[in-house]
Amino acid sequence: MKKMNIAVAAGLFLLPSITMANDFSTVTRVQFVMDCMELNQGKMNAYETVHKCSCVVDELAKTFTQTEFEDANAGFRFRNLPGDRGAQFRDDKGVQSGIKLFKQAHADAYEECRIRR
């Protein structure tokens, strides 16, 4: 019985560190979920959309740190800006590889969370 209690206590001690790995701020999560809900408006009801979009951001948090996510998301959003404003996102090889990883992780998260594109 004591061994069982020690194992449970050890598991509970490790739980917070596991859940905090690559955790995004609340603002980042809320903004992503709101954008996802807007993008998927009309495909599902609001309850289903909020849960599935929350699932997507949870999946992305497994792949990216907050800074990596913000950089890749910015590159993904701004790569199509015209002229010099978008050049740094289109031409930089590091940004391009981040965008490629972001697109793949995003597609995998959509599949994992069962959102149809």
Protein backbone atom coordinates (compact mmCIF):
# COMPACT_ATOMS: atom_id res chain seq x y z
CA MET A 1 0.00 0.00 0.00
CA LYS A 2 2.83 2.41 0.83
CA LYS A 3 4.51 1.71 -2.50
CA MET A 4 1.28 2.57 -4.28
CA ASN A 5 0.99 5.87 -2.39
CA ILE A 6 4.59 6.78 -3.22
CA ALA A 7 4.01 6.05 -6.92
CA VAL A 8 0.85 8.16 -6.95
CA ALA A 9 2.60 11.01 -5.14
CA ALA A 10 5.52 10.86 -7.57
CA GLY A 11 3.12 10.94 -10.51
CA LEU A 12 1.26 13.94 -9.11
CA PHE A 13 4.58 15.71 -8.51
CA LEU A 14 5.59 15.25 -12.15
CA LEU A 15 2.19 16.16 -13.61
CA PRO A 16 2.57 19.97 -13.44
CA SER A 17 5.94 19.86 -15.22
CA ILE A 18 4.48 17.70 -17.99
CA THR A 19 1.52 20.03 -18.57
CA MET A 20 3.73 23.12 -18.64
CA ALA A 21 6.02 21.85 -21.42
CA ASN A 22 5.74 24.18 -24.42
CA ASP A 23 2.72 25.86 -22.89
CA PHE A 24 1.37 28.90 -24.71
CA SER A 25 0.08 31.97 -22.92
CA THR A 26 -3.66 32.29 -22.46
CA VAL A 27 -3.76 35.23 -24.89
CA THR A 28 -2.01 33.18 -27.60
CA ARG A 29 -4.38 30.26 -27.09
CA VAL A 30 -7.51 32.43 -27.08
CA GLN A 31 -6.42 34.36 -30.18
CA PHE A 32 -5.68 31.13 -32.05
CA VAL A 33 -9.01 29.57 -31.07
CA MET A 34 -10.92 32.70 -32.10
CA ASP A 35 -9.13 32.81 -35.47
CA CYS A 36 -9.74 29.09 -35.97
CA MET A 37 -13.42 29.48 -35.12
CA GLU A 38 -13.77 32.32 -37.62
CA LEU A 39 -11.98 30.31 -40.30
CA ASN A 40 -14.26 27.30 -39.71
CA GLN A 41 -17.49 29.27 -39.29
CA GLY A 42 -20.46 27.44 -40.75
CA LYS A 43 -18.72 24.05 -40.89
CA MET A 44 -19.71 23.03 -37.34
CA ASN A 45 -21.76 24.36 -34.46
CA ALA A 46 -20.07 26.77 -32.03
CA TYR A 47 -19.66 24.18 -29.26
CA GLU A 48 -17.94 21.72 -31.58
CA THR A 49 -15.78 24.42 -33.15
CA VAL A 50 -14.44 25.74 -29.85
CA HIS A 51 -13.52 22.25 -28.68
CA LYS A 52 -11.88 21.23 -31.94
CA CYS A 53 -9.98 24.52 -32.28
CA SER A 54 -8.79 24.16 -28.68
CA CYS A 55 -7.60 20.69 -29.59
CA VAL A 56 -5.62 22.10 -32.53
CA VAL A 57 -3.79 24.65 -30.37
CA ASP A 58 -3.03 21.92 -27.82
CA GLU A 59 -1.51 19.80 -30.60
CA LEU A 60 0.55 22.73 -31.87
CA ALA A 61 1.83 23.34 -28.34
CA LYS A 62 3.31 19.84 -28.42
CA THR A 63 5.46 20.83 -31.42
CA PHE A 64 6.36 24.49 -30.81
CA THR A 65 7.47 26.68 -27.95
CA GLN A 66 5.51 29.92 -27.68
CA THR A 67 8.24 31.91 -29.44
CA GLU A 68 8.61 29.36 -32.24
CA PHE A 69 4.83 29.31 -32.70
CA GLU A 70 4.57 33.11 -32.84
CA ASP A 71 7.45 33.35 -35.34
CA ALA A 72 6.11 30.59 -37.59
CA ASN A 73 2.55 31.93 -37.38
CA ALA A 74 3.73 35.45 -38.29
CA GLY A 75 5.75 34.11 -41.22
CA PHE A 76 2.77 32.07 -42.39
CA ARG A 77 0.41 35.06 -42.18
CA PHE A 78 2.71 37.69 -43.67
CA ARG A 79 4.47 35.76 -46.44
CA ASN A 80 1.96 37.01 -48.99
CA LEU A 81 2.39 40.70 -48.24
CA PRO A 82 3.28 42.55 -51.44
CA GLY A 83 6.70 44.05 -52.16
CA ASP A 84 9.36 44.63 -49.55
CA ARG A 85 6.96 44.16 -46.63
CA GLY A 86 6.60 40.46 -47.38
CA ALA A 87 10.09 39.87 -48.77
CA GLN A 88 11.67 38.95 -45.45
CA PHE A 89 9.05 36.25 -44.96
CA ARG A 90 9.32 34.92 -48.52
CA ASP A 91 13.09 35.07 -48.98
CA ASP A 92 14.61 34.05 -45.63
CA LYS A 93 15.44 30.31 -45.63
CA GLY A 94 15.00 30.05 -41.84
CA VAL A 95 11.56 31.58 -42.05
CA GLN A 96 10.68 29.30 -44.97
CA SER A 97 11.61 26.17 -43.01
CA GLY A 98 9.59 27.44 -40.03
CA ILE A 99 6.59 28.04 -42.28
CA LYS A 100 6.95 24.56 -43.77
CA LEU A 101 7.03 22.96 -40.30
CA PHE A 102 4.08 25.16 -39.22
CA LYS A 103 1.99 24.10 -42.22
CA GLN A 104 2.72 20.41 -41.63
CA ALA A 105 2.06 20.62 -37.88
CA HIS A 106 -1.13 22.58 -38.57
CA ALA A 107 -2.37 19.96 -41.07
CA ASP A 108 -1.50 17.15 -38.66
CA ALA A 109 -3.32 18.93 -35.81
CA TYR A 110 -6.42 19.44 -37.97
CA GLU A 111 -6.40 15.75 -38.81
CA GLU A 112 -5.84 14.71 -35.19
CA CYS A 113 -8.68 16.95 -34.02
CA ARG A 114 -10.97 15.87 -36.86
CA ILE A 115 -11.48 19.23 -38.53
CA ARG A 116 -12.20 18.93 -42.22
CA ARG A 117 -10.47 21.41 -44.45
